[in-house]
Amino acid sequence: MSLSEQTLSALQQLMAQNQALRASVQTTSDAHQAAALIAEAAAKNNISVSAAELTSHFEQLSAAINNQALTDEQLTTVAGGMSDDEMMLMVSFLSFGFLCAMKSMADVAGLKGAVGMHKKFC
């Protein structure tokens, strides 16, 4: 069973307002212990949620995150590279449009990729 939007919102507010709770949760490396700390603080603030519900919620989130594949563009960005869009913007800006014009001419001449760019934005 997932947590209601109302409960999630109340827990977010609790975590935002309670610096000591946030620090305690951040220092634990165990999801069950974190769930117990949050459930205890929630009970003191009239938020109805159990440690078991929180643990289940954490497990669902973890499974969803682990099943997400990054796109090639996201992988490039995470690795410190630039996306094709960012590369074209930078090249166009730094070369005052000259390389953008060269790429367009190379594309028209049938030399796709000759300038090292894969997208046609020029």
PDB file of N, CA and C in Angstrom:
ATOM      1  N   MET A   1       0.839  -1.175   0.000  1.00  0.00           N
ATOM      2  CA  MET A   1       0.000   0.000   0.000  1.00  0.00           C
ATOM      3  C   MET A   1       0.888   1.244   0.000  1.00  0.00           C
ATOM      4  N   SER A   2       0.621   2.162  -0.921  1.00  0.00           N
ATOM      5  CA  SER A   2       1.432   3.371  -0.955  1.00  0.00           C
ATOM      6  C   SER A   2       0.828   4.434  -0.045  1.00  0.00           C
ATOM      7  N   LEU A   3       1.634   5.396   0.291  1.00  0.00           N
ATOM      8  CA  LEU A   3       1.191   6.460   1.188  1.00  0.00           C
ATOM      9  C   LEU A   3       0.350   7.468   0.424  1.00  0.00           C
ATOM     10  N   SER A   4      -0.623   8.060   1.100  1.00  0.00           N
ATOM     11  CA  SER A   4      -1.487   9.055   0.459  1.00  0.00           C
ATOM     12  C   SER A   4      -0.691  10.341   0.209  1.00  0.00           C
ATOM     13  N   GLU A   5      -1.192  11.132  -0.704  1.00  0.00           N
ATOM     14  CA  GLU A   5      -0.553  12.422  -1.003  1.00  0.00           C
ATOM     15  C   GLU A   5      -0.555  13.316   0.235  1.00  0.00           C
ATOM     16  N   GLN A   6      -1.635  13.245   1.001  1.00  0.00           N
ATOM     17  CA  GLN A   6      -1.748  14.045   2.225  1.00  0.00           C
ATOM     18  C   GLN A   6      -0.673  13.643   3.232  1.00  0.00           C
ATOM     19  N   THR A   7      -0.474  12.332   3.397  1.00  0.00           N
ATOM     20  CA  THR A   7       0.545  11.846   4.335  1.00  0.00           C
ATOM     21  C   THR A   7       1.939  12.221   3.842  1.00  0.00           C
ATOM     22  N   LEU A   8       2.189  12.044   2.547  1.00  0.00           N
ATOM     23  CA  LEU A   8       3.497  12.400   1.996  1.00  0.00           C
ATOM     24  C   LEU A   8       3.785  13.890   2.172  1.00  0.00           C
ATOM     25  N   SER A   9       2.783  14.711   1.936  1.00  0.00           N
ATOM     26  CA  SER A   9       2.940  16.156   2.099  1.00  0.00           C
ATOM     27  C   SER A   9       3.243  16.509   3.558  1.00  0.00           C
ATOM     28  N   ALA A  10       2.522  15.890   4.475  1.00  0.00           N
ATOM     29  CA  ALA A  10       2.743  16.148   5.907  1.00  0.00           C
ATOM     30  C   ALA A  10       4.142  15.703   6.321  1.00  0.00           C
ATOM     31  N   LEU A  11       4.593  14.566   5.789  1.00  0.00           N
ATOM     32  CA  LEU A  11       5.938  14.082   6.111  1.00  0.00           C
ATOM     33  C   LEU A  11       7.017  14.995   5.524  1.00  0.00           C
ATOM     34  N   GLN A  12       6.779  15.504   4.329  1.00  0.00           N
ATOM     35  CA  GLN A  12       7.736  16.444   3.727  1.00  0.00           C
ATOM     36  C   GLN A  12       7.862  17.706   4.570  1.00  0.00           C
ATOM     37  N   GLN A  13       6.730  18.216   5.032  1.00  0.00           N
ATOM     38  CA  GLN A  13       6.752  19.401   5.895  1.00  0.00           C
ATOM     39  C   GLN A  13       7.481  19.115   7.207  1.00  0.00           C
ATOM     40  N   LEU A  14       7.208  17.951   7.769  1.00  0.00           N
ATOM     41  CA  LEU A  14       7.864  17.556   9.012  1.00  0.00           C
ATOM     42  C   LEU A  14       9.381  17.506   8.831  1.00  0.00           C
ATOM     43  N   MET A  15       9.821  16.878   7.748  1.00  0.00           N
ATOM     44  CA  MET A  15      11.262  16.763   7.488  1.00  0.00           C
ATOM     45  C   MET A  15      11.886  18.142   7.234  1.00  0.00           C
ATOM     46  N   ALA A  16      11.156  19.003   6.552  1.00  0.00           N
ATOM     47  CA  ALA A  16      11.674  20.347   6.258  1.00  0.00           C
ATOM     48  C   ALA A  16      11.799  21.191   7.522  1.00  0.00           C
ATOM     49  N   GLN A  17      10.870  21.013   8.455  1.00  0.00           N
ATOM     50  CA  GLN A  17      10.835  21.848   9.650  1.00  0.00           C
ATOM     51  C   GLN A  17      11.667  21.299  10.812  1.00  0.00           C
ATOM     52  N   ASN A  18      11.920  20.003  10.821  1.00  0.00           N
ATOM     53  CA  ASN A  18      12.597  19.372  11.952  1.00  0.00           C
ATOM     54  C   ASN A  18      14.040  19.028  11.571  1.00  0.00           C
ATOM     55  N   GLN A  19      14.936  19.950  11.850  1.00  0.00           N
ATOM     56  CA  GLN A  19      16.342  19.780  11.480  1.00  0.00           C
ATOM     57  C   GLN A  19      16.986  18.599  12.213  1.00  0.00           C
ATOM     58  N   ALA A  20      16.623  18.382  13.462  1.00  0.00           N
ATOM     59  CA  ALA A  20      17.194  17.274  14.238  1.00  0.00           C
ATOM     60  C   ALA A  20      16.776  15.930  13.639  1.00  0.00           C
ATOM     61  N   LEU A  21      15.530  15.823  13.246  1.00  0.00           N
ATOM     62  CA  LEU A  21      15.055  14.586  12.607  1.00  0.00           C
ATOM     63  C   LEU A  21      15.782  14.363  11.286  1.00  0.00           C
ATOM     64  N   ARG A  22      15.902  15.416  10.509  1.00  0.00           N
ATOM     65  CA  ARG A  22      16.592  15.327   9.218  1.00  0.00           C
ATOM     66  C   ARG A  22      18.027  14.864   9.412  1.00  0.00           C
ATOM     67  N   ALA A  23      18.704  15.410  10.402  1.00  0.00           N
ATOM     68  CA  ALA A  23      20.089  15.021  10.677  1.00  0.00           C
ATOM     69  C   ALA A  23      20.166  13.559  11.119  1.00  0.00           C
ATOM     70  N   SER A  24      19.227  13.137  11.966  1.00  0.00           N
ATOM     71  CA  SER A  24      19.217  11.742  12.433  1.00  0.00           C
ATOM     72  C   SER A  24      18.996  10.780  11.277  1.00  0.00           C
ATOM     73  N   VAL A  25      18.068  11.112  10.401  1.00  0.00           N
ATOM     74  CA  VAL A  25      17.764  10.240   9.260  1.00  0.00           C
ATOM     75  C   VAL A  25      18.955  10.194   8.302  1.00  0.00           C
ATOM     76  N   GLN A  26      19.605  11.321   8.095  1.00  0.00           N
ATOM     77  CA  GLN A  26      20.735  11.373   7.165  1.00  0.00           C
ATOM     78  C   GLN A  26      21.943  10.595   7.675  1.00  0.00           C
ATOM     79  N   THR A  27      22.077  10.446   8.977  1.00  0.00           N
ATOM     80  CA  THR A  27      23.243   9.745   9.517  1.00  0.00           C
ATOM     81  C   THR A  27      23.046   8.236   9.582  1.00  0.00           C
ATOM     82  N   THR A  28      21.814   7.776   9.434  1.00  0.00           N
ATOM     83  CA  THR A  28      21.584   6.336   9.469  1.00  0.00           C
ATOM     84  C   THR A  28      21.784   5.734   8.084  1.00  0.00           C
ATOM     85  N   SER A  29      22.302   4.528   8.061  1.00  0.00           N
ATOM     86  CA  SER A  29      22.496   3.846   6.780  1.00  0.00           C
ATOM     87  C   SER A  29      21.479   2.723   6.592  1.00  0.00           C
ATOM     88  N   ASP A  30      20.542   2.624   7.504  1.00  0.00           N
ATOM     89  CA  ASP A  30      19.560   1.551   7.477  1.00  0.00           C
ATOM     90  C   ASP A  30      18.167   2.134   7.238  1.00  0.00           C
ATOM     91  N   ALA A  31      17.486   1.665   6.196  1.00  0.00           N
ATOM     92  CA  ALA A  31      16.160   2.182   5.854  1.00  0.00           C
ATOM     93  C   ALA A  31      15.141   1.887   6.953  1.00  0.00           C
ATOM     94  N   HIS A  32      15.273   0.746   7.615  1.00  0.00           N
ATOM     95  CA  HIS A  32      14.331   0.398   8.687  1.00  0.00           C
ATOM     96  C   HIS A  32      14.476   1.359   9.868  1.00  0.00           C
ATOM     97  N   GLN A  33      15.724   1.698  10.192  1.00  0.00           N
ATOM     98  CA  GLN A  33      15.960   2.635  11.286  1.00  0.00           C
ATOM     99  C   GLN A  33      15.455   4.030  10.911  1.00  0.00           C
ATOM    100  N   ALA A  34      15.690   4.432   9.675  1.00  0.00           N
ATOM    101  CA  ALA A  34      15.200   5.734   9.219  1.00  0.00           C
ATOM    102  C   ALA A  34      13.676   5.775   9.284  1.00  0.00           C
ATOM    103  N   ALA A  35      13.037   4.699   8.850  1.00  0.00           N
ATOM    104  CA  ALA A  35      11.577   4.621   8.893  1.00  0.00           C
ATOM    105  C   ALA A  35      11.071   4.713  10.328  1.00  0.00           C
ATOM    106  N   ALA A  36      11.753   4.055  11.247  1.00  0.00           N
ATOM    107  CA  ALA A  36      11.347   4.095  12.657  1.00  0.00           C
ATOM    108  C   ALA A  36      11.483   5.504  13.221  1.00  0.00           C
ATOM    109  N   LEU A  37      12.577   6.199  12.896  1.00  0.00           N
ATOM    110  CA  LEU A  37      12.778   7.572  13.362  1.00  0.00           C
ATOM    111  C   LEU A  37      11.689   8.503  12.831  1.00  0.00           C
ATOM    112  N   ILE A  38      11.369   8.361  11.547  1.00  0.00           N
ATOM    113  CA  ILE A  38      10.357   9.221  10.930  1.00  0.00           C
ATOM    114  C   ILE A  38       8.974   8.910  11.501  1.00  0.00           C
ATOM    115  N   ALA A  39       8.672   7.615  11.654  1.00  0.00           N
ATOM    116  CA  ALA A  39       7.358   7.224  12.197  1.00  0.00           C
ATOM    117  C   ALA A  39       7.174   7.753  13.616  1.00  0.00           C
ATOM    118  N   GLU A  40       8.233   7.698  14.419  1.00  0.00           N
ATOM    119  CA  GLU A  40       8.163   8.207  15.799  1.00  0.00           C
ATOM    120  C   GLU A  40       7.893   9.711  15.814  1.00  0.00           C
ATOM    121  N   ALA A  41       8.625  10.448  14.965  1.00  0.00           N
ATOM    122  CA  ALA A  41       8.422  11.898  14.897  1.00  0.00           C
ATOM    123  C   ALA A  41       7.034  12.219  14.329  1.00  0.00           C
ATOM    124  N   ALA A  42       6.586  11.417  13.372  1.00  0.00           N
ATOM    125  CA  ALA A  42       5.267  11.626  12.772  1.00  0.00           C
ATOM    126  C   ALA A  42       4.175  11.459  13.824  1.00  0.00           C
ATOM    127  N   ALA A  43       4.290  10.427  14.645  1.00  0.00           N
ATOM    128  CA  ALA A  43       3.292  10.177  15.695  1.00  0.00           C
ATOM    129  C   ALA A  43       3.214  11.354  16.658  1.00  0.00           C
ATOM    130  N   LYS A  44       4.366  11.950  16.988  1.00  0.00           N
ATOM    131  CA  LYS A  44       4.395  13.102  17.890  1.00  0.00           C
ATOM    132  C   LYS A  44       3.746  14.333  17.264  1.00  0.00           C
ATOM    133  N   ASN A  45       3.635  14.305  15.920  1.00  0.00           N
ATOM    134  CA  ASN A  45       3.049  15.444  15.200  1.00  0.00           C
ATOM    135  C   ASN A  45       1.692  15.103  14.584  1.00  0.00           C
ATOM    136  N   ASN A  46       1.042  14.081  15.151  1.00  0.00           N
ATOM    137  CA  ASN A  46      -0.297  13.671  14.713  1.00  0.00           C
ATOM    138  C   ASN A  46      -0.383  13.270  13.245  1.00  0.00           C
ATOM    139  N   ILE A  47       0.686  12.671  12.736  1.00  0.00           N
ATOM    140  CA  ILE A  47       0.684  12.125  11.379  1.00  0.00           C
ATOM    141  C   ILE A  47       0.606  10.616  11.521  1.00  0.00           C
ATOM    142  N   SER A  48      -0.429  10.043  10.956  1.00  0.00           N
ATOM    143  CA  SER A  48      -0.669   8.613  11.117  1.00  0.00           C
ATOM    144  C   SER A  48       0.069   7.817  10.040  1.00  0.00           C
ATOM    145  N   VAL A  49       1.231   7.267  10.404  1.00  0.00           N
ATOM    146  CA  VAL A  49       2.019   6.421   9.502  1.00  0.00           C
ATOM    147  C   VAL A  49       2.890   5.508  10.355  1.00  0.00           C
ATOM    148  N   SER A  50       3.005   4.274   9.939  1.00  0.00           N
ATOM    149  CA  SER A  50       3.818   3.316  10.705  1.00  0.00           C
ATOM    150  C   SER A  50       5.186   3.150  10.056  1.00  0.00           C
ATOM    151  N   ALA A  51       6.106   2.618  10.826  1.00  0.00           N
ATOM    152  CA  ALA A  51       7.439   2.335  10.309  1.00  0.00           C
ATOM    153  C   ALA A  51       7.356   1.322   9.169  1.00  0.00           C
ATOM    154  N   ALA A  52       6.450   0.347   9.284  1.00  0.00           N
ATOM    155  CA  ALA A  52       6.285  -0.661   8.225  1.00  0.00           C
ATOM    156  C   ALA A  52       5.800  -0.024   6.925  1.00  0.00           C
ATOM    157  N   GLU A  53       4.869   0.938   7.030  1.00  0.00           N
ATOM    158  CA  GLU A  53       4.383   1.635   5.827  1.00  0.00           C
ATOM    159  C   GLU A  53       5.501   2.444   5.180  1.00  0.00           C
ATOM    160  N   LEU A  54       6.294   3.106   6.010  1.00  0.00           N
ATOM    161  CA  LEU A  54       7.412   3.890   5.483  1.00  0.00           C
ATOM    162  C   LEU A  54       8.459   2.988   4.830  1.00  0.00           C
ATOM    163  N   THR A  55       8.774   1.869   5.472  1.00  0.00           N
ATOM    164  CA  THR A  55       9.741   0.929   4.899  1.00  0.00           C
ATOM    165  C   THR A  55       9.242   0.430   3.554  1.00  0.00           C
ATOM    166  N   SER A  56       7.972   0.098   3.469  1.00  0.00           N
ATOM    167  CA  SER A  56       7.385  -0.360   2.206  1.00  0.00           C
ATOM    168  C   SER A  56       7.474   0.733   1.148  1.00  0.00           C
ATOM    169  N   HIS A  57       7.199   1.969   1.546  1.00  0.00           N
ATOM    170  CA  HIS A  57       7.282   3.109   0.622  1.00  0.00           C
ATOM    171  C   HIS A  57       8.717   3.284   0.121  1.00  0.00           C
ATOM    172  N   PHE A  58       9.678   3.206   1.028  1.00  0.00           N
ATOM    173  CA  PHE A  58      11.091   3.331   0.645  1.00  0.00           C
ATOM    174  C   PHE A  58      11.496   2.230  -0.333  1.00  0.00           C
ATOM    175  N   GLU A  59      11.013   1.006  -0.082  1.00  0.00           N
ATOM    176  CA  GLU A  59      11.345  -0.124  -0.955  1.00  0.00           C
ATOM    177  C   GLU A  59      10.744   0.068  -2.343  1.00  0.00           C
ATOM    178  N   GLN A  60       9.514   0.590  -2.399  1.00  0.00           N
ATOM    179  CA  GLN A  60       8.876   0.861  -3.694  1.00  0.00           C
ATOM    180  C   GLN A  60       9.649   1.923  -4.465  1.00  0.00           C
ATOM    181  N   LEU A  61      10.054   2.978  -3.774  1.00  0.00           N
ATOM    182  CA  LEU A  61      10.839   4.035  -4.420  1.00  0.00           C
ATOM    183  C   LEU A  61      12.174   3.508  -4.918  1.00  0.00           C
ATOM    184  N   SER A  62      12.817   2.702  -4.100  1.00  0.00           N
ATOM    185  CA  SER A  62      14.108   2.136  -4.470  1.00  0.00           C
ATOM    186  C   SER A  62      13.983   1.246  -5.694  1.00  0.00           C
ATOM    187  N   ALA A  63      12.941   0.417  -5.733  1.00  0.00           N
ATOM    188  CA  ALA A  63      12.723  -0.464  -6.886  1.00  0.00           C
ATOM    189  C   ALA A  63      12.455   0.347  -8.143  1.00  0.00           C
ATOM    190  N   ALA A  64      11.666   1.414  -8.020  1.00  0.00           N
ATOM    191  CA  ALA A  64      11.359   2.254  -9.176  1.00  0.00           C
ATOM    192  C   ALA A  64      12.617   2.936  -9.701  1.00  0.00           C
ATOM    193  N   ILE A  65      13.458   3.408  -8.793  1.00  0.00           N
ATOM    194  CA  ILE A  65      14.701   4.069  -9.192  1.00  0.00           C
ATOM    195  C   ILE A  65      15.658   3.075  -9.841  1.00  0.00           C
ATOM    196  N   ASN A  66      15.759   1.887  -9.279  1.00  0.00           N
ATOM    197  CA  ASN A  66      16.668   0.882  -9.812  1.00  0.00           C
ATOM    198  C   ASN A  66      16.238   0.368 -11.178  1.00  0.00           C
ATOM    199  N   ASN A  67      14.955   0.473 -11.500  1.00  0.00           N
ATOM    200  CA  ASN A  67      14.453  -0.008 -12.783  1.00  0.00           C
ATOM    201  C   ASN A  67      14.481   1.056 -13.866  1.00  0.00           C
ATOM    202  N   GLN A  68      14.891   2.257 -13.533  1.00  0.00           N
ATOM    203  CA  GLN A  68      14.938   3.338 -14.510  1.00  0.00           C
ATOM    204  C   GLN A  68      16.259   3.302 -15.253  1.00  0.00           C
ATOM    205  N   ALA A  69      16.185   3.279 -16.553  1.00  0.00           N
ATOM    206  CA  ALA A  69      17.396   3.340 -17.373  1.00  0.00           C
ATOM    207  C   ALA A  69      17.600   4.783 -17.827  1.00  0.00           C
ATOM    208  N   LEU A  70      18.845   5.209 -17.831  1.00  0.00           N
ATOM    209  CA  LEU A  70      19.157   6.551 -18.302  1.00  0.00           C
ATOM    210  C   LEU A  70      19.263   6.553 -19.819  1.00  0.00           C
ATOM    211  N   THR A  71      18.842   7.643 -20.431  1.00  0.00           N
ATOM    212  CA  THR A  71      19.002   7.786 -21.871  1.00  0.00           C
ATOM    213  C   THR A  71      20.475   8.065 -22.162  1.00  0.00           C
ATOM    214  N   ASP A  72      20.869   7.940 -23.421  1.00  0.00           N
ATOM    215  CA  ASP A  72      22.253   8.230 -23.804  1.00  0.00           C
ATOM    216  C   ASP A  72      22.625   9.667 -23.457  1.00  0.00           C
ATOM    217  N   GLU A  73      21.693  10.588 -23.656  1.00  0.00           N
ATOM    218  CA  GLU A  73      21.958  11.994 -23.346  1.00  0.00           C
ATOM    219  C   GLU A  73      22.164  12.190 -21.845  1.00  0.00           C
ATOM    220  N   GLN A  74      21.349  11.517 -21.011  1.00  0.00           N
ATOM    221  CA  GLN A  74      21.509  11.619 -19.558  1.00  0.00           C
ATOM    222  C   GLN A  74      22.842  11.021 -19.123  1.00  0.00           C
ATOM    223  N   LEU A  75      23.232   9.898 -19.714  1.00  0.00           N
ATOM    224  CA  LEU A  75      24.520   9.286 -19.381  1.00  0.00           C
ATOM    225  C   LEU A  75      25.676  10.219 -19.729  1.00  0.00           C
ATOM    226  N   THR A  76      25.597  10.861 -20.884  1.00  0.00           N
ATOM    227  CA  THR A  76      26.643  11.798 -21.299  1.00  0.00           C
ATOM    228  C   THR A  76      26.733  12.962 -20.327  1.00  0.00           C
ATOM    229  N   THR A  77      25.590  13.473 -19.926  1.00  0.00           N
ATOM    230  CA  THR A  77      25.559  14.600 -18.990  1.00  0.00           C
ATOM    231  C   THR A  77      26.122  14.192 -17.635  1.00  0.00           C
ATOM    232  N   VAL A  78      25.730  13.018 -17.145  1.00  0.00           N
ATOM    233  CA  VAL A  78      26.220  12.530 -15.857  1.00  0.00           C
ATOM    234  C   VAL A  78      27.727  12.301 -15.913  1.00  0.00           C
ATOM    235  N   ALA A  79      28.217  11.856 -17.052  1.00  0.00           N
ATOM    236  CA  ALA A  79      29.647  11.583 -17.207  1.00  0.00           C
ATOM    237  C   ALA A  79      30.452  12.865 -17.381  1.00  0.00           C
ATOM    238  N   GLY A  80      29.779  14.007 -17.409  1.00  0.00           N
ATOM    239  CA  GLY A  80      30.489  15.275 -17.510  1.00  0.00           C
ATOM    240  C   GLY A  80      30.576  15.799 -18.918  1.00  0.00           C
ATOM    241  N   GLY A  81      29.944  15.130 -19.856  1.00  0.00           N
ATOM    242  CA  GLY A  81      29.959  15.581 -21.240  1.00  0.00           C
ATOM    243  C   GLY A  81      28.835  16.557 -21.506  1.00  0.00           C
ATOM    244  N   MET A  82      28.688  16.889 -22.775  1.00  0.00           N
ATOM    245  CA  MET A  82      27.625  17.803 -23.177  1.00  0.00           C
ATOM    246  C   MET A  82      26.667  17.075 -24.101  1.00  0.00           C
ATOM    247  N   SER A  83      25.423  17.456 -24.036  1.00  0.00           N
ATOM    248  CA  SER A  83      24.445  16.914 -24.968  1.00  0.00           C
ATOM    249  C   SER A  83      24.689  17.557 -26.328  1.00  0.00           C
ATOM    250  N   ASP A  84      24.108  16.985 -27.379  1.00  0.00           N
ATOM    251  CA  ASP A  84      24.258  17.562 -28.721  1.00  0.00           C
ATOM    252  C   ASP A  84      23.725  18.989 -28.766  1.00  0.00           C
ATOM    253  N   ASP A  85      22.609  19.219 -28.068  1.00  0.00           N
ATOM    254  CA  ASP A  85      22.034  20.567 -28.039  1.00  0.00           C
ATOM    255  C   ASP A  85      23.001  21.566 -27.408  1.00  0.00           C
ATOM    256  N   GLU A  86      23.594  21.190 -26.281  1.00  0.00           N
ATOM    257  CA  GLU A  86      24.544  22.079 -25.599  1.00  0.00           C
ATOM    258  C   GLU A  86      25.790  22.303 -26.450  1.00  0.00           C
ATOM    259  N   MET A  87      26.252  21.242 -27.128  1.00  0.00           N
ATOM    260  CA  MET A  87      27.435  21.360 -27.990  1.00  0.00           C
ATOM    261  C   MET A  87      27.160  22.329 -29.142  1.00  0.00           C
ATOM    262  N   MET A  88      25.994  22.199 -29.781  1.00  0.00           N
ATOM    263  CA  MET A  88      25.661  23.095 -30.894  1.00  0.00           C
ATOM    264  C   MET A  88      25.557  24.537 -30.417  1.00  0.00           C
ATOM    265  N   LEU A  89      24.958  24.741 -29.266  1.00  0.00           N
ATOM    266  CA  LEU A  89      24.831  26.092 -28.725  1.00  0.00           C
ATOM    267  C   LEU A  89      26.210  26.683 -28.458  1.00  0.00           C
ATOM    268  N   MET A  90      27.085  25.908 -27.827  1.00  0.00           N
ATOM    269  CA  MET A  90      28.423  26.394 -27.515  1.00  0.00           C
ATOM    270  C   MET A  90      29.223  26.685 -28.787  1.00  0.00           C
ATOM    271  N   VAL A  91      29.196  25.761 -29.746  1.00  0.00           N
ATOM    272  CA  VAL A  91      29.954  25.943 -30.980  1.00  0.00           C
ATOM    273  C   VAL A  91      29.444  27.145 -31.742  1.00  0.00           C
ATOM    274  N   SER A  92      28.132  27.282 -31.838  1.00  0.00           N
ATOM    275  CA  SER A  92      27.555  28.411 -32.550  1.00  0.00           C
ATOM    276  C   SER A  92      27.934  29.731 -31.880  1.00  0.00           C
ATOM    277  N   PHE A  93      27.870  29.761 -30.572  1.00  0.00           N
ATOM    278  CA  PHE A  93      28.190  30.986 -29.833  1.00  0.00           C
ATOM    279  C   PHE A  93      29.673  31.327 -29.945  1.00  0.00           C
ATOM    280  N   LEU A  94      30.549  30.339 -29.731  1.00  0.00           N
ATOM    281  CA  LEU A  94      31.985  30.607 -29.711  1.00  0.00           C
ATOM    282  C   LEU A  94      32.576  30.881 -31.089  1.00  0.00           C
ATOM    283  N   SER A  95      31.953  30.355 -32.128  1.00  0.00           N
ATOM    284  CA  SER A  95      32.492  30.577 -33.473  1.00  0.00           C
ATOM    285  C   SER A  95      31.706  31.647 -34.225  1.00  0.00           C
ATOM    286  N   PHE A  96      30.855  32.354 -33.517  1.00  0.00           N
ATOM    287  CA  PHE A  96      30.012  33.389 -34.113  1.00  0.00           C
ATOM    288  C   PHE A  96      29.211  32.851 -35.298  1.00  0.00           C
ATOM    289  N   GLY A  97      28.826  31.577 -35.243  1.00  0.00           N
ATOM    290  CA  GLY A  97      28.001  30.971 -36.290  1.00  0.00           C
ATOM    291  C   GLY A  97      28.786  30.377 -37.434  1.00  0.00           C
ATOM    292  N   PHE A  98      30.114  30.576 -37.468  1.00  0.00           N
ATOM    293  CA  PHE A  98      30.927  30.090 -38.588  1.00  0.00           C
ATOM    294  C   PHE A  98      30.875  28.565 -38.696  1.00  0.00           C
ATOM    295  N   LEU A  99      31.101  27.855 -37.587  1.00  0.00           N
ATOM    296  CA  LEU A  99      31.070  26.391 -37.647  1.00  0.00           C
ATOM    297  C   LEU A  99      29.667  25.876 -37.930  1.00  0.00           C
ATOM    298  N   CYS A 100      28.680  26.605 -37.506  1.00  0.00           N
ATOM    299  CA  CYS A 100      27.302  26.230 -37.789  1.00  0.00           C
ATOM    300  C   CYS A 100      27.070  26.290 -39.305  1.00  0.00           C
ATOM    301  N   ALA A 101      27.569  27.322 -39.931  1.00  0.00           N
ATOM    302  CA  ALA A 101      27.445  27.449 -41.392  1.00  0.00           C
ATOM    303  C   ALA A 101      28.212  26.334 -42.086  1.00  0.00           C
ATOM    304  N   MET A 102      29.415  26.006 -41.599  1.00  0.00           N
ATOM    305  CA  MET A 102      30.209  24.917 -42.203  1.00  0.00           C
ATOM    306  C   MET A 102      29.468  23.590 -42.087  1.00  0.00           C
ATOM    307  N   LYS A 103      28.848  23.353 -40.958  1.00  0.00           N
ATOM    308  CA  LYS A 103      28.106  22.107 -40.770  1.00  0.00           C
ATOM    309  C   LYS A 103      26.958  22.026 -41.759  1.00  0.00           C
ATOM    310  N   SER A 104      26.231  23.125 -41.932  1.00  0.00           N
ATOM    311  CA  SER A 104      25.110  23.144 -42.869  1.00  0.00           C
ATOM    312  C   SER A 104      25.594  22.870 -44.293  1.00  0.00           C
ATOM    313  N   MET A 105      26.721  23.477 -44.684  1.00  0.00           N
ATOM    314  CA  MET A 105      27.262  23.251 -46.028  1.00  0.00           C
ATOM    315  C   MET A 105      27.702  21.805 -46.205  1.00  0.00           C
ATOM    316  N   ALA A 106      28.325  21.241 -45.170  1.00  0.00           N
ATOM    317  CA  ALA A 106      28.764  19.837 -45.243  1.00  0.00           C
ATOM    318  C   ALA A 106      27.562  18.915 -45.357  1.00  0.00           C
ATOM    319  N   ASP A 107      26.505  19.210 -44.641  1.00  0.00           N
ATOM    320  CA  ASP A 107      25.286  18.395 -44.706  1.00  0.00           C
ATOM    321  C   ASP A 107      24.678  18.442 -46.106  1.00  0.00           C
ATOM    322  N   VAL A 108      24.630  19.653 -46.690  1.00  0.00           N
ATOM    323  CA  VAL A 108      24.070  19.809 -48.033  1.00  0.00           C
ATOM    324  C   VAL A 108      24.922  19.055 -49.052  1.00  0.00           C
ATOM    325  N   ALA A 109      26.240  19.043 -48.848  1.00  0.00           N
ATOM    326  CA  ALA A 109      27.159  18.357 -49.769  1.00  0.00           C
ATOM    327  C   ALA A 109      27.148  16.846 -49.560  1.00  0.00           C
ATOM    328  N   GLY A 110      26.373  16.371 -48.590  1.00  0.00           N
ATOM    329  CA  GLY A 110      26.293  14.930 -48.347  1.00  0.00           C
ATOM    330  C   GLY A 110      27.387  14.413 -47.439  1.00  0.00           C
ATOM    331  N   LEU A 111      28.053  15.278 -46.741  1.00  0.00           N
ATOM    332  CA  LEU A 111      29.140  14.887 -45.838  1.00  0.00           C
ATOM    333  C   LEU A 111      28.653  14.963 -44.390  1.00  0.00           C
ATOM    334  N   LYS A 112      27.567  14.285 -44.110  1.00  0.00           N
ATOM    335  CA  LYS A 112      26.976  14.324 -42.765  1.00  0.00           C
ATOM    336  C   LYS A 112      28.010  13.892 -41.726  1.00  0.00           C
ATOM    337  N   GLY A 113      28.087  14.630 -40.657  1.00  0.00           N
ATOM    338  CA  GLY A 113      29.000  14.299 -39.576  1.00  0.00           C
ATOM    339  C   GLY A 113      30.427  14.768 -39.822  1.00  0.00           C
ATOM    340  N   ALA A 114      30.686  15.441 -40.935  1.00  0.00           N
ATOM    341  CA  ALA A 114      32.048  15.878 -41.243  1.00  0.00           C
ATOM    342  C   ALA A 114      32.572  16.902 -40.245  1.00  0.00           C
ATOM    343  N   VAL A 115      31.693  17.677 -39.659  1.00  0.00           N
ATOM    344  CA  VAL A 115      32.104  18.707 -38.704  1.00  0.00           C
ATOM    345  C   VAL A 115      32.087  18.150 -37.285  1.00  0.00           C
ATOM    346  N   GLY A 116      31.611  16.932 -37.122  1.00  0.00           N
ATOM    347  CA  GLY A 116      31.583  16.305 -35.802  1.00  0.00           C
ATOM    348  C   GLY A 116      30.315  16.545 -35.036  1.00  0.00           C
ATOM    349  N   MET A 117      29.289  17.063 -35.657  1.00  0.00           N
ATOM    350  CA  MET A 117      28.013  17.317 -35.029  1.00  0.00           C
ATOM    351  C   MET A 117      26.968  16.409 -35.682  1.00  0.00           C
ATOM    352  N   HIS A 118      26.049  15.918 -34.873  1.00  0.00           N
ATOM    353  CA  HIS A 118      25.071  14.962 -35.385  1.00  0.00           C
ATOM    354  C   HIS A 118      23.690  15.570 -35.594  1.00  0.00           C
ATOM    355  N   LYS A 119      23.393  16.681 -34.987  1.00  0.00           N
ATOM    356  CA  LYS A 119      22.072  17.276 -35.120  1.00  0.00           C
ATOM    357  C   LYS A 119      22.154  18.485 -36.051  1.00  0.00           C
ATOM    358  N   LYS A 120      21.052  18.758 -36.680  1.00  0.00           N
ATOM    359  CA  LYS A 120      21.011  19.886 -37.615  1.00  0.00           C
ATOM    360  C   LYS A 120      20.192  21.012 -37.000  1.00  0.00           C
ATOM    361  N   PHE A 121      20.849  21.973 -36.412  1.00  0.00           N
ATOM    362  CA  PHE A 121      20.181  23.096 -35.770  1.00  0.00           C
ATOM    363  C   PHE A 121      20.485  24.417 -36.474  1.00  0.00           C
ATOM    364  N   CYS A 122      21.403  24.402 -37.395  1.00  0.00           N
ATOM    365  CA  CYS A 122      21.843  25.641 -38.031  1.00  0.00           C
ATOM    366  C   CYS A 122      20.923  26.051 -39.155  1.00  0.00           C
TER     367      CYS A 122
END
